[in-house]
Amino acid sequence: MTGLTDMIRLQRRTFDVAKRREIIYDIQRHISQQAYDLFDASVSAVGAWAPYVKNYGPNIGHDVGGRLMTAWLDR
């Protein structure tokens, strides 16, 4: 078996459960050997606000206006 497509076709045509399970395990091994590790940039953000700011909480995203619509100052 050379490619993933051939392996998938073979497991479709195999009716013996034990043999089919082994072919599926081979497919999983093949896919895991082809997978690459991708690392994306991550951002850390720290939020702080005064104790008199009420009903506000940190939220990862760009919708600052939506979060400020419900916030209020208790002074």
Protein backbone atom coordinates (compact mmCIF):
# COMPACT_ATOMS: atom_id res chain seq x y z
CA MET A 1 0.00 0.00 0.00
CA THR A 2 1.45 3.30 -1.00
CA GLY A 3 -1.01 6.05 -0.30
CA LEU A 4 -3.75 6.95 2.07
CA THR A 5 -6.41 6.64 -0.62
CA ASP A 6 -5.33 3.07 -1.37
CA MET A 7 -5.43 2.22 2.32
CA ILE A 8 -8.93 3.65 2.71
CA ARG A 9 -10.16 1.74 -0.34
CA LEU A 10 -8.65 -1.47 1.00
CA GLN A 11 -10.36 -1.15 4.38
CA ARG A 12 -13.68 -0.50 2.62
CA ARG A 13 -13.33 -3.75 0.69
CA THR A 14 -12.24 -5.83 3.68
CA PHE A 15 -15.07 -7.66 5.41
CA ASP A 16 -13.04 -9.50 8.05
CA VAL A 17 -13.41 -7.38 11.18
CA ALA A 18 -9.97 -8.15 12.63
CA LYS A 19 -8.21 -7.45 9.31
CA ARG A 20 -10.20 -4.27 8.82
CA ARG A 21 -9.27 -3.09 12.33
CA GLU A 22 -5.57 -3.63 11.55
CA ILE A 23 -5.91 -1.68 8.31
CA ILE A 24 -7.58 1.18 10.19
CA TYR A 25 -4.74 1.14 12.73
CA ASP A 26 -2.29 1.31 9.81
CA ILE A 27 -4.22 4.28 8.43
CA GLN A 28 -4.04 6.04 11.80
CA ARG A 29 -0.29 5.39 12.04
CA HIS A 30 0.21 6.67 8.50
CA ILE A 31 -1.76 9.87 9.21
CA SER A 32 0.06 10.46 12.51
CA GLN A 33 3.42 10.19 10.74
CA GLN A 34 2.30 12.76 8.17
CA ALA A 35 1.09 15.28 10.75
CA TYR A 36 3.23 18.27 11.54
CA ASP A 37 3.33 20.37 14.68
CA LEU A 38 2.07 23.86 14.05
CA PHE A 39 2.55 26.53 16.64
CA ASP A 40 0.62 29.73 16.39
CA ALA A 41 1.41 32.92 18.20
CA SER A 42 -0.43 33.43 21.45
CA VAL A 43 -1.13 36.71 23.14
CA SER A 44 -1.36 37.28 26.85
CA ALA A 45 -3.46 40.15 28.06
CA VAL A 46 -3.98 41.43 31.57
CA GLY A 47 -7.11 43.31 32.51
CA ALA A 48 -7.52 45.53 35.55
CA TRP A 49 -10.15 48.03 36.50
CA ALA A 50 -11.06 50.17 39.47
CA PRO A 51 -13.29 48.64 42.17
CA TYR A 52 -16.07 51.14 41.45
CA VAL A 53 -16.46 49.83 37.87
CA LYS A 54 -19.36 47.37 38.06
CA ASN A 55 -20.68 44.71 35.69
CA TYR A 56 -17.47 44.61 33.65
CA GLY A 57 -15.32 41.58 33.01
CA PRO A 58 -12.45 40.66 30.77
CA ASN A 59 -13.29 39.11 27.44
CA ILE A 60 -10.90 37.99 24.74
CA GLY A 61 -12.00 39.69 21.57
CA HIS A 62 -12.35 43.02 19.87
CA ASP A 63 -15.85 43.94 21.01
CA VAL A 64 -15.00 46.51 23.67
CA GLY A 65 -18.17 48.51 23.02
CA GLY A 66 -20.42 45.55 23.74
CA ARG A 67 -18.76 44.97 27.11
CA LEU A 68 -18.95 48.65 28.03
CA MET A 69 -22.67 48.90 27.24
CA THR A 70 -23.52 47.03 30.44
CA ALA A 71 -20.78 48.45 32.65
CA TRP A 72 -21.51 51.22 35.12
CA LEU A 73 -19.66 53.31 37.71
CA ASP A 74 -20.62 53.03 41.38
CA ARG A 75 -19.38 56.33 42.81
